[in-house]
Amino acid sequence: MKIRKLNIDDLETLRDLSIQTFKETFSEVNTEEDMQKYLHENLSIEKLKSELENPNSEFYFAENNDEILGYLKLNFKDAQTEKLEENYFEIERIYVLKIFLDQKIGQILFDKAIEIGREKNLEYVWLGVWEENHRAIRFYEKNGFEIFGKHDFTLGEDVQTDLLMKRFIN
């Protein structure tokens, strides 16, 4: 398996994977209307193109024999969804296709994020995770994250609560 940094040529594949993994993760616990609104507003070609072109955001695919298994999105500096100190960076997304969930792909993508943070001499990594996503919370706690706050996350018309979690990386 390899981890590959994305470029603009990966835009449509990224959009398709983003939509599929988001639906697999959250469609059973949200309304169809809220899901469609969120996907249209946040995972459109236009939105993902602007994120791919932002020099302070990076996307990576986890691939095995040209099959894409999941992806990672990192934000640095002003691309972060919360304004934190200079020595922080954000894991905005780690998503793995449902059929590969038990193959440690998420851990490999997470380890890549930590490696990148260390290369950039950053001290902390943080993320937001839906308070009802217990599987993800356990994963992050296992990897040394602690809750330090909360923020609102709007999915369609539904305002949900994300737990903010961080960990020291060096």
N, C-alpha and C. Protein backbone atom coordinates (compact mmCIF):
# COMPACT_ATOMS: atom_id res chain seq x y z
N MET A 1 0.83 -1.17 0.00
CA MET A 1 0.00 0.00 0.00
C MET A 1 0.88 1.24 0.00
N LYS A 2 0.40 2.29 -0.68
CA LYS A 2 1.13 3.54 -0.69
C LYS A 2 0.19 4.70 -0.37
N ILE A 3 0.78 5.77 0.12
CA ILE A 3 0.06 7.01 0.39
C ILE A 3 0.55 8.02 -0.64
N ARG A 4 -0.39 8.61 -1.38
CA ARG A 4 -0.02 9.52 -2.46
C ARG A 4 -0.71 10.87 -2.28
N LYS A 5 0.09 11.93 -2.40
CA LYS A 5 -0.47 13.28 -2.32
C LYS A 5 -1.25 13.58 -3.59
N LEU A 6 -2.41 14.21 -3.43
CA LEU A 6 -3.28 14.49 -4.56
C LEU A 6 -2.90 15.79 -5.26
N ASN A 7 -3.31 15.87 -6.52
CA ASN A 7 -3.21 17.11 -7.28
C ASN A 7 -4.54 17.32 -8.00
N ILE A 8 -4.64 18.37 -8.76
CA ILE A 8 -5.91 18.74 -9.39
C ILE A 8 -6.45 17.66 -10.32
N ASP A 9 -5.58 16.82 -10.87
CA ASP A 9 -6.03 15.73 -11.74
C ASP A 9 -6.86 14.68 -10.98
N ASP A 10 -6.76 14.69 -9.66
CA ASP A 10 -7.48 13.72 -8.83
C ASP A 10 -8.85 14.23 -8.38
N LEU A 11 -9.25 15.41 -8.86
CA LEU A 11 -10.44 16.08 -8.36
C LEU A 11 -11.70 15.23 -8.43
N GLU A 12 -12.02 14.68 -9.57
CA GLU A 12 -13.27 13.92 -9.70
C GLU A 12 -13.24 12.64 -8.87
N THR A 13 -12.10 11.97 -8.82
CA THR A 13 -11.97 10.77 -8.00
C THR A 13 -12.13 11.13 -6.52
N LEU A 14 -11.53 12.25 -6.12
CA LEU A 14 -11.67 12.72 -4.74
C LEU A 14 -13.14 13.00 -4.41
N ARG A 15 -13.83 13.68 -5.32
CA ARG A 15 -15.24 13.98 -5.08
C ARG A 15 -16.05 12.69 -4.91
N ASP A 16 -15.86 11.74 -5.81
CA ASP A 16 -16.61 10.49 -5.75
C ASP A 16 -16.32 9.73 -4.45
N LEU A 17 -15.04 9.65 -4.08
CA LEU A 17 -14.65 8.96 -2.85
C LEU A 17 -15.19 9.69 -1.63
N SER A 18 -15.11 11.01 -1.64
CA SER A 18 -15.60 11.81 -0.51
C SER A 18 -17.09 11.56 -0.28
N ILE A 19 -17.84 11.59 -1.34
CA ILE A 19 -19.29 11.38 -1.23
C ILE A 19 -19.58 9.96 -0.75
N GLN A 20 -18.93 8.98 -1.35
CA GLN A 20 -19.19 7.58 -0.97
C GLN A 20 -18.85 7.33 0.50
N THR A 21 -17.67 7.76 0.94
CA THR A 21 -17.27 7.48 2.32
C THR A 21 -18.13 8.26 3.32
N PHE A 22 -18.51 9.49 2.98
CA PHE A 22 -19.36 10.26 3.89
C PHE A 22 -20.73 9.60 4.03
N LYS A 23 -21.29 9.16 2.91
CA LYS A 23 -22.58 8.47 2.95
C LYS A 23 -22.47 7.17 3.76
N GLU A 24 -21.42 6.40 3.51
CA GLU A 24 -21.25 5.14 4.23
C GLU A 24 -21.15 5.37 5.74
N THR A 25 -20.55 6.47 6.12
CA THR A 25 -20.32 6.76 7.53
C THR A 25 -21.55 7.34 8.22
N PHE A 26 -22.29 8.21 7.52
CA PHE A 26 -23.30 8.99 8.23
C PHE A 26 -24.73 8.89 7.72
N SER A 27 -25.00 8.22 6.60
CA SER A 27 -26.35 8.25 6.06
C SER A 27 -27.38 7.53 6.93
N GLU A 28 -26.97 6.53 7.67
CA GLU A 28 -27.91 5.79 8.52
C GLU A 28 -28.40 6.60 9.71
N VAL A 29 -27.67 7.64 10.09
CA VAL A 29 -28.01 8.39 11.30
C VAL A 29 -28.38 9.85 11.01
N ASN A 30 -28.61 10.17 9.75
CA ASN A 30 -29.03 11.52 9.36
C ASN A 30 -30.11 11.41 8.29
N THR A 31 -30.89 12.47 8.14
CA THR A 31 -31.95 12.44 7.14
C THR A 31 -31.35 12.56 5.74
N GLU A 32 -32.09 12.05 4.76
CA GLU A 32 -31.65 12.14 3.36
C GLU A 32 -31.53 13.61 2.94
N GLU A 33 -32.44 14.44 3.39
CA GLU A 33 -32.41 15.87 3.03
C GLU A 33 -31.16 16.55 3.57
N ASP A 34 -30.84 16.28 4.84
CA ASP A 34 -29.64 16.88 5.43
C ASP A 34 -28.38 16.36 4.74
N MET A 35 -28.35 15.07 4.43
CA MET A 35 -27.19 14.50 3.74
C MET A 35 -27.01 15.15 2.37
N GLN A 36 -28.08 15.26 1.59
CA GLN A 36 -27.97 15.84 0.25
C GLN A 36 -27.51 17.29 0.30
N LYS A 37 -28.04 18.04 1.23
CA LYS A 37 -27.64 19.45 1.35
C LYS A 37 -26.15 19.55 1.70
N TYR A 38 -25.71 18.75 2.66
CA TYR A 38 -24.30 18.77 3.05
C TYR A 38 -23.40 18.37 1.88
N LEU A 39 -23.74 17.29 1.20
CA LEU A 39 -22.91 16.82 0.08
C LEU A 39 -22.84 17.88 -1.02
N HIS A 40 -23.96 18.50 -1.32
CA HIS A 40 -24.01 19.53 -2.37
C HIS A 40 -23.15 20.75 -1.99
N GLU A 41 -23.22 21.16 -0.73
CA GLU A 41 -22.51 22.37 -0.30
C GLU A 41 -21.04 22.13 0.02
N ASN A 42 -20.69 20.94 0.49
CA ASN A 42 -19.34 20.73 1.01
C ASN A 42 -18.47 19.77 0.21
N LEU A 43 -19.06 18.95 -0.63
CA LEU A 43 -18.27 17.97 -1.38
C LEU A 43 -18.50 18.11 -2.88
N SER A 44 -18.84 19.30 -3.32
CA SER A 44 -19.03 19.57 -4.74
C SER A 44 -17.66 19.69 -5.42
N ILE A 45 -17.67 19.60 -6.74
CA ILE A 45 -16.43 19.78 -7.51
C ILE A 45 -15.82 21.15 -7.22
N GLU A 46 -16.65 22.18 -7.20
CA GLU A 46 -16.15 23.55 -6.99
C GLU A 46 -15.49 23.70 -5.62
N LYS A 47 -16.15 23.19 -4.58
CA LYS A 47 -15.62 23.31 -3.22
C LYS A 47 -14.33 22.51 -3.07
N LEU A 48 -14.33 21.28 -3.55
CA LEU A 48 -13.12 20.45 -3.43
C LEU A 48 -11.98 21.01 -4.27
N LYS A 49 -12.29 21.61 -5.42
CA LYS A 49 -11.26 22.23 -6.25
C LYS A 49 -10.58 23.36 -5.50
N SER A 50 -11.37 24.19 -4.84
CA SER A 50 -10.78 25.30 -4.08
C SER A 50 -9.93 24.79 -2.92
N GLU A 51 -10.35 23.70 -2.30
CA GLU A 51 -9.56 23.11 -1.22
C GLU A 51 -8.27 22.50 -1.75
N LEU A 52 -8.35 21.80 -2.88
CA LEU A 52 -7.14 21.21 -3.48
C LEU A 52 -6.13 22.29 -3.89
N GLU A 53 -6.64 23.43 -4.32
CA GLU A 53 -5.77 24.52 -4.77
C GLU A 53 -5.24 25.38 -3.63
N ASN A 54 -5.75 25.19 -2.43
CA ASN A 54 -5.28 25.96 -1.28
C ASN A 54 -3.91 25.42 -0.84
N PRO A 55 -2.88 26.27 -0.84
CA PRO A 55 -1.55 25.79 -0.46
C PRO A 55 -1.44 25.34 1.00
N ASN A 56 -2.43 25.68 1.83
CA ASN A 56 -2.42 25.28 3.23
C ASN A 56 -3.31 24.07 3.53
N SER A 57 -3.76 23.40 2.49
CA SER A 57 -4.49 22.14 2.64
C SER A 57 -3.80 21.07 1.79
N GLU A 58 -3.79 19.85 2.29
CA GLU A 58 -3.19 18.73 1.57
C GLU A 58 -4.12 17.53 1.66
N PHE A 59 -4.28 16.84 0.54
CA PHE A 59 -5.07 15.61 0.47
C PHE A 59 -4.15 14.46 0.09
N TYR A 60 -4.45 13.27 0.63
CA TYR A 60 -3.69 12.07 0.33
C TYR A 60 -4.64 10.90 0.13
N PHE A 61 -4.34 10.05 -0.85
CA PHE A 61 -5.06 8.79 -1.05
C PHE A 61 -4.23 7.66 -0.47
N ALA A 62 -4.92 6.70 0.14
CA ALA A 62 -4.31 5.41 0.47
C ALA A 62 -4.68 4.49 -0.69
N GLU A 63 -3.67 3.91 -1.34
CA GLU A 63 -3.90 3.09 -2.53
C GLU A 63 -3.20 1.75 -2.39
N ASN A 64 -3.81 0.76 -3.01
CA ASN A 64 -3.20 -0.56 -3.09
C ASN A 64 -3.47 -1.11 -4.48
N ASN A 65 -2.41 -1.32 -5.26
CA ASN A 65 -2.55 -1.81 -6.64
C ASN A 65 -3.55 -0.96 -7.43
N ASP A 66 -3.39 0.34 -7.37
CA ASP A 66 -4.23 1.32 -8.08
C ASP A 66 -5.68 1.36 -7.60
N GLU A 67 -6.00 0.67 -6.51
CA GLU A 67 -7.34 0.76 -5.92
C GLU A 67 -7.26 1.74 -4.74
N ILE A 68 -8.16 2.70 -4.73
CA ILE A 68 -8.18 3.70 -3.66
C ILE A 68 -8.98 3.15 -2.49
N LEU A 69 -8.37 3.20 -1.30
CA LEU A 69 -8.97 2.61 -0.10
C LEU A 69 -9.57 3.66 0.83
N GLY A 70 -9.00 4.86 0.80
CA GLY A 70 -9.44 5.92 1.68
C GLY A 70 -8.64 7.18 1.42
N TYR A 71 -8.93 8.22 2.22
CA TYR A 71 -8.20 9.47 2.02
C TYR A 71 -8.07 10.26 3.31
N LEU A 72 -7.17 11.22 3.25
CA LEU A 72 -6.79 12.08 4.37
C LEU A 72 -6.78 13.52 3.89
N LYS A 73 -7.31 14.44 4.72
CA LYS A 73 -7.20 15.86 4.43
C LYS A 73 -6.60 16.56 5.64
N LEU A 74 -5.54 17.33 5.40
CA LEU A 74 -4.86 18.09 6.44
C LEU A 74 -4.99 19.58 6.15
N ASN A 75 -5.11 20.38 7.20
CA ASN A 75 -5.15 21.84 7.07
C ASN A 75 -4.09 22.47 7.95
N PHE A 76 -3.42 23.46 7.39
CA PHE A 76 -2.39 24.20 8.08
C PHE A 76 -2.74 25.69 8.08
N LYS A 77 -2.15 26.42 9.01
CA LYS A 77 -2.30 27.88 9.07
C LYS A 77 -3.76 28.31 8.95
N ASP A 78 -4.06 29.22 8.03
CA ASP A 78 -5.42 29.78 7.94
C ASP A 78 -6.43 28.85 7.28
N ALA A 79 -6.03 27.69 6.81
CA ALA A 79 -6.98 26.73 6.24
C ALA A 79 -7.70 25.93 7.33
N GLN A 80 -7.19 25.99 8.56
CA GLN A 80 -7.81 25.24 9.65
C GLN A 80 -9.23 25.76 9.91
N THR A 81 -10.11 24.86 10.31
CA THR A 81 -11.50 25.24 10.53
C THR A 81 -11.71 25.96 11.86
N GLU A 82 -10.72 25.97 12.73
CA GLU A 82 -10.71 26.76 13.95
C GLU A 82 -9.40 27.54 13.98
N LYS A 83 -9.44 28.73 14.52
CA LYS A 83 -8.23 29.54 14.63
C LYS A 83 -7.48 29.16 15.91
N LEU A 84 -6.42 28.37 15.74
CA LEU A 84 -5.62 27.95 16.87
C LEU A 84 -4.21 28.51 16.71
N GLU A 85 -3.36 28.18 17.63
CA GLU A 85 -2.00 28.71 17.60
C GLU A 85 -1.23 28.23 16.37
N GLU A 86 -0.13 28.92 16.10
CA GLU A 86 0.69 28.65 14.91
C GLU A 86 1.25 27.23 14.87
N ASN A 87 1.47 26.62 16.03
CA ASN A 87 2.13 25.32 16.08
C ASN A 87 1.14 24.15 16.00
N TYR A 88 -0.09 24.41 15.57
CA TYR A 88 -1.11 23.40 15.41
C TYR A 88 -1.38 23.12 13.93
N PHE A 89 -1.83 21.92 13.64
CA PHE A 89 -2.42 21.63 12.33
C PHE A 89 -3.61 20.72 12.55
N GLU A 90 -4.47 20.65 11.54
CA GLU A 90 -5.74 19.95 11.67
C GLU A 90 -5.82 18.74 10.74
N ILE A 91 -6.30 17.64 11.29
CA ILE A 91 -6.77 16.54 10.47
C ILE A 91 -8.26 16.82 10.27
N GLU A 92 -8.63 17.26 9.08
CA GLU A 92 -10.05 17.54 8.84
C GLU A 92 -10.81 16.28 8.46
N ARG A 93 -10.15 15.39 7.72
CA ARG A 93 -10.84 14.17 7.29
C ARG A 93 -9.89 12.98 7.24
N ILE A 94 -10.33 11.89 7.80
CA ILE A 94 -9.77 10.56 7.53
C ILE A 94 -10.98 9.69 7.24
N TYR A 95 -11.11 9.27 6.00
CA TYR A 95 -12.22 8.41 5.61
C TYR A 95 -11.68 7.20 4.86
N VAL A 96 -12.24 6.05 5.20
CA VAL A 96 -11.86 4.79 4.57
C VAL A 96 -13.14 4.13 4.06
N LEU A 97 -13.06 3.57 2.86
CA LEU A 97 -14.22 2.85 2.33
C LEU A 97 -14.63 1.74 3.30
N LYS A 98 -15.92 1.57 3.44
CA LYS A 98 -16.47 0.64 4.43
C LYS A 98 -15.88 -0.77 4.31
N ILE A 99 -15.67 -1.24 3.08
CA ILE A 99 -15.17 -2.61 2.90
C ILE A 99 -13.73 -2.79 3.39
N PHE A 100 -13.03 -1.67 3.65
CA PHE A 100 -11.64 -1.75 4.11
C PHE A 100 -11.47 -1.29 5.56
N LEU A 101 -12.56 -1.07 6.28
CA LEU A 101 -12.48 -0.47 7.62
C LEU A 101 -11.65 -1.27 8.61
N ASP A 102 -11.63 -2.55 8.53
CA ASP A 102 -10.91 -3.36 9.52
C ASP A 102 -9.50 -3.75 9.07
N GLN A 103 -8.94 -2.98 8.13
CA GLN A 103 -7.61 -3.31 7.61
C GLN A 103 -6.54 -2.31 8.01
N LYS A 104 -6.80 -1.49 9.02
CA LYS A 104 -5.83 -0.54 9.59
C LYS A 104 -5.46 0.59 8.63
N ILE A 105 -6.29 0.86 7.61
CA ILE A 105 -6.02 1.94 6.66
C ILE A 105 -6.08 3.29 7.37
N GLY A 106 -7.08 3.45 8.24
CA GLY A 106 -7.20 4.69 9.00
C GLY A 106 -5.96 4.96 9.83
N GLN A 107 -5.40 3.92 10.43
CA GLN A 107 -4.19 4.07 11.24
C GLN A 107 -3.01 4.48 10.36
N ILE A 108 -2.91 3.90 9.20
CA ILE A 108 -1.82 4.26 8.28
C ILE A 108 -1.95 5.71 7.83
N LEU A 109 -3.17 6.15 7.52
CA LEU A 109 -3.38 7.55 7.15
C LEU A 109 -3.09 8.48 8.33
N PHE A 110 -3.51 8.08 9.52
CA PHE A 110 -3.22 8.87 10.71
C PHE A 110 -1.70 8.99 10.93
N ASP A 111 -0.99 7.87 10.81
CA ASP A 111 0.47 7.90 10.98
C ASP A 111 1.13 8.82 9.96
N LYS A 112 0.60 8.86 8.74
CA LYS A 112 1.11 9.77 7.71
C LYS A 112 0.91 11.22 8.15
N ALA A 113 -0.25 11.51 8.72
CA ALA A 113 -0.51 12.87 9.20
C ALA A 113 0.51 13.28 10.26
N ILE A 114 0.78 12.40 11.19
CA ILE A 114 1.75 12.70 12.25
C ILE A 114 3.14 12.91 11.65
N GLU A 115 3.51 12.08 10.71
CA GLU A 115 4.80 12.22 10.03
C GLU A 115 4.91 13.59 9.36
N ILE A 116 3.87 14.03 8.69
CA ILE A 116 3.87 15.33 8.01
C ILE A 116 3.97 16.46 9.04
N GLY A 117 3.22 16.35 10.13
CA GLY A 117 3.31 17.36 11.18
C GLY A 117 4.70 17.47 11.76
N ARG A 118 5.35 16.34 11.95
CA ARG A 118 6.73 16.37 12.46
C ARG A 118 7.69 16.99 11.45
N GLU A 119 7.51 16.65 10.17
CA GLU A 119 8.37 17.25 9.12
C GLU A 119 8.23 18.77 9.09
N LYS A 120 7.04 19.27 9.42
CA LYS A 120 6.80 20.71 9.40
C LYS A 120 7.10 21.35 10.77
N ASN A 121 7.66 20.56 11.69
CA ASN A 121 8.02 21.04 13.02
C ASN A 121 6.85 21.63 13.79
N LEU A 122 5.68 21.02 13.66
CA LEU A 122 4.51 21.45 14.41
C LEU A 122 4.43 20.65 15.71
N GLU A 123 3.81 21.23 16.72
CA GLU A 123 3.76 20.57 18.02
C GLU A 123 2.49 19.78 18.28
N TYR A 124 1.37 20.26 17.73
CA TYR A 124 0.09 19.65 18.04
C TYR A 124 -0.70 19.35 16.78
N VAL A 125 -1.48 18.29 16.83
CA VAL A 125 -2.47 17.98 15.81
C VAL A 125 -3.82 18.01 16.52
N TRP A 126 -4.83 18.50 15.83
CA TRP A 126 -6.17 18.55 16.40
C TRP A 126 -7.18 18.14 15.35
N LEU A 127 -8.39 17.87 15.80
CA LEU A 127 -9.47 17.50 14.89
C LEU A 127 -10.80 17.69 15.61
N GLY A 128 -11.85 17.70 14.81
CA GLY A 128 -13.21 17.68 15.33
C GLY A 128 -13.85 16.36 14.95
N VAL A 129 -14.55 15.75 15.90
CA VAL A 129 -15.22 14.47 15.65
C VAL A 129 -16.62 14.54 16.26
N TRP A 130 -17.61 14.11 15.49
CA TRP A 130 -18.99 14.14 15.95
C TRP A 130 -19.11 13.37 17.26
N GLU A 131 -19.75 13.97 18.23
CA GLU A 131 -19.87 13.35 19.56
C GLU A 131 -20.58 12.00 19.53
N GLU A 132 -21.33 11.71 18.46
CA GLU A 132 -22.03 10.42 18.35
C GLU A 132 -21.22 9.38 17.55
N ASN A 133 -20.05 9.76 17.05
CA ASN A 133 -19.22 8.83 16.28
C ASN A 133 -18.26 8.12 17.24
N HIS A 134 -18.80 7.18 17.99
CA HIS A 134 -18.05 6.53 19.06
C HIS A 134 -16.86 5.72 18.55
N ARG A 135 -17.00 5.12 17.37
CA ARG A 135 -15.89 4.36 16.79
C ARG A 135 -14.69 5.28 16.56
N ALA A 136 -14.93 6.45 15.96
CA ALA A 136 -13.85 7.39 15.69
C ALA A 136 -13.26 7.94 16.99
N ILE A 137 -14.11 8.26 17.96
CA ILE A 137 -13.61 8.78 19.24
C ILE A 137 -12.68 7.77 19.89
N ARG A 138 -13.07 6.51 19.90
CA ARG A 138 -12.20 5.47 20.47
C ARG A 138 -10.87 5.39 19.73
N PHE A 139 -10.92 5.48 18.40
CA PHE A 139 -9.71 5.44 17.58
C PHE A 139 -8.77 6.58 17.98
N TYR A 140 -9.31 7.79 18.10
CA TYR A 140 -8.47 8.94 18.43
C TYR A 140 -7.95 8.87 19.87
N GLU A 141 -8.77 8.42 20.79
CA GLU A 141 -8.30 8.26 22.17
C GLU A 141 -7.17 7.23 22.23
N LYS A 142 -7.32 6.15 21.49
CA LYS A 142 -6.27 5.12 21.43
C LYS A 142 -4.96 5.71 20.89
N ASN A 143 -5.07 6.72 20.05
CA ASN A 143 -3.90 7.37 19.46
C ASN A 143 -3.45 8.61 20.24
N GLY A 144 -3.90 8.73 21.49
CA GLY A 144 -3.36 9.76 22.37
C GLY A 144 -4.08 11.09 22.37
N PHE A 145 -5.23 11.20 21.73
CA PHE A 145 -5.96 12.46 21.71
C PHE A 145 -6.75 12.66 23.00
N GLU A 146 -6.89 13.93 23.37
CA GLU A 146 -7.72 14.32 24.51
C GLU A 146 -8.67 15.42 24.07
N ILE A 147 -9.86 15.43 24.64
CA ILE A 147 -10.86 16.46 24.33
C ILE A 147 -10.43 17.78 24.95
N PHE A 148 -10.51 18.86 24.15
CA PHE A 148 -10.20 20.18 24.70
C PHE A 148 -11.29 21.21 24.43
N GLY A 149 -12.36 20.81 23.78
CA GLY A 149 -13.45 21.75 23.53
C GLY A 149 -14.50 21.13 22.63
N LYS A 150 -15.40 22.00 22.16
CA LYS A 150 -16.48 21.58 21.27
C LYS A 150 -16.74 22.69 20.27
N HIS A 151 -17.33 22.33 19.12
CA HIS A 151 -17.86 23.33 18.21
C HIS A 151 -19.05 22.76 17.46
N ASP A 152 -19.81 23.67 16.87
CA ASP A 152 -20.98 23.24 16.10
C ASP A 152 -20.54 22.79 14.71
N PHE A 153 -21.20 21.76 14.22
CA PHE A 153 -21.01 21.26 12.87
C PHE A 153 -22.40 21.14 12.27
N THR A 154 -22.62 21.83 11.15
CA THR A 154 -23.95 21.82 10.54
C THR A 154 -23.97 20.84 9.38
N LEU A 155 -24.85 19.85 9.49
CA LEU A 155 -25.04 18.87 8.44
C LEU A 155 -26.44 19.12 7.88
N GLY A 156 -26.49 19.77 6.73
CA GLY A 156 -27.78 20.17 6.16
C GLY A 156 -28.38 21.25 7.03
N GLU A 157 -29.52 20.93 7.65
CA GLU A 157 -30.17 21.86 8.58
C GLU A 157 -29.94 21.46 10.04
N ASP A 158 -29.26 20.34 10.26
CA ASP A 158 -29.07 19.80 11.60
C ASP A 158 -27.75 20.30 12.19
N VAL A 159 -27.85 21.06 13.29
CA VAL A 159 -26.65 21.53 13.98
C VAL A 159 -26.25 20.45 14.99
N GLN A 160 -25.07 19.89 14.78
CA GLN A 160 -24.55 18.82 15.62
C GLN A 160 -23.34 19.33 16.40
N THR A 161 -22.91 18.57 17.38
CA THR A 161 -21.75 18.96 18.19
C THR A 161 -20.56 18.07 17.86
N ASP A 162 -19.46 18.71 17.51
CA ASP A 162 -18.19 18.01 17.34
C ASP A 162 -17.35 18.22 18.59
N LEU A 163 -16.73 17.15 19.06
CA LEU A 163 -15.73 17.25 20.10
C LEU A 163 -14.42 17.66 19.46
N LEU A 164 -13.73 18.62 20.04
CA LEU A 164 -12.41 19.01 19.56
C LEU A 164 -11.40 18.22 20.38
N MET A 165 -10.50 17.53 19.67
CA MET A 165 -9.51 16.68 20.32
C MET A 165 -8.12 17.07 19.80
N LYS A 166 -7.12 16.97 20.66
CA LYS A 166 -5.76 17.29 20.23
C LYS A 166 -4.78 16.33 20.89
N ARG A 167 -3.58 16.31 20.32
CA ARG A 167 -2.48 15.57 20.93
C ARG A 167 -1.16 16.21 20.52
N PHE A 168 -0.20 16.06 21.39
CA PHE A 168 1.17 16.50 21.16
C PHE A 168 1.79 15.49 20.18
N ILE A 169 2.60 15.96 19.22
CA ILE A 169 3.10 14.99 18.22
C ILE A 169 4.59 14.68 18.33
N ASN A 170 5.34 15.40 19.11
CA ASN A 170 6.78 15.11 19.16
C ASN A 170 7.20 14.43 20.44
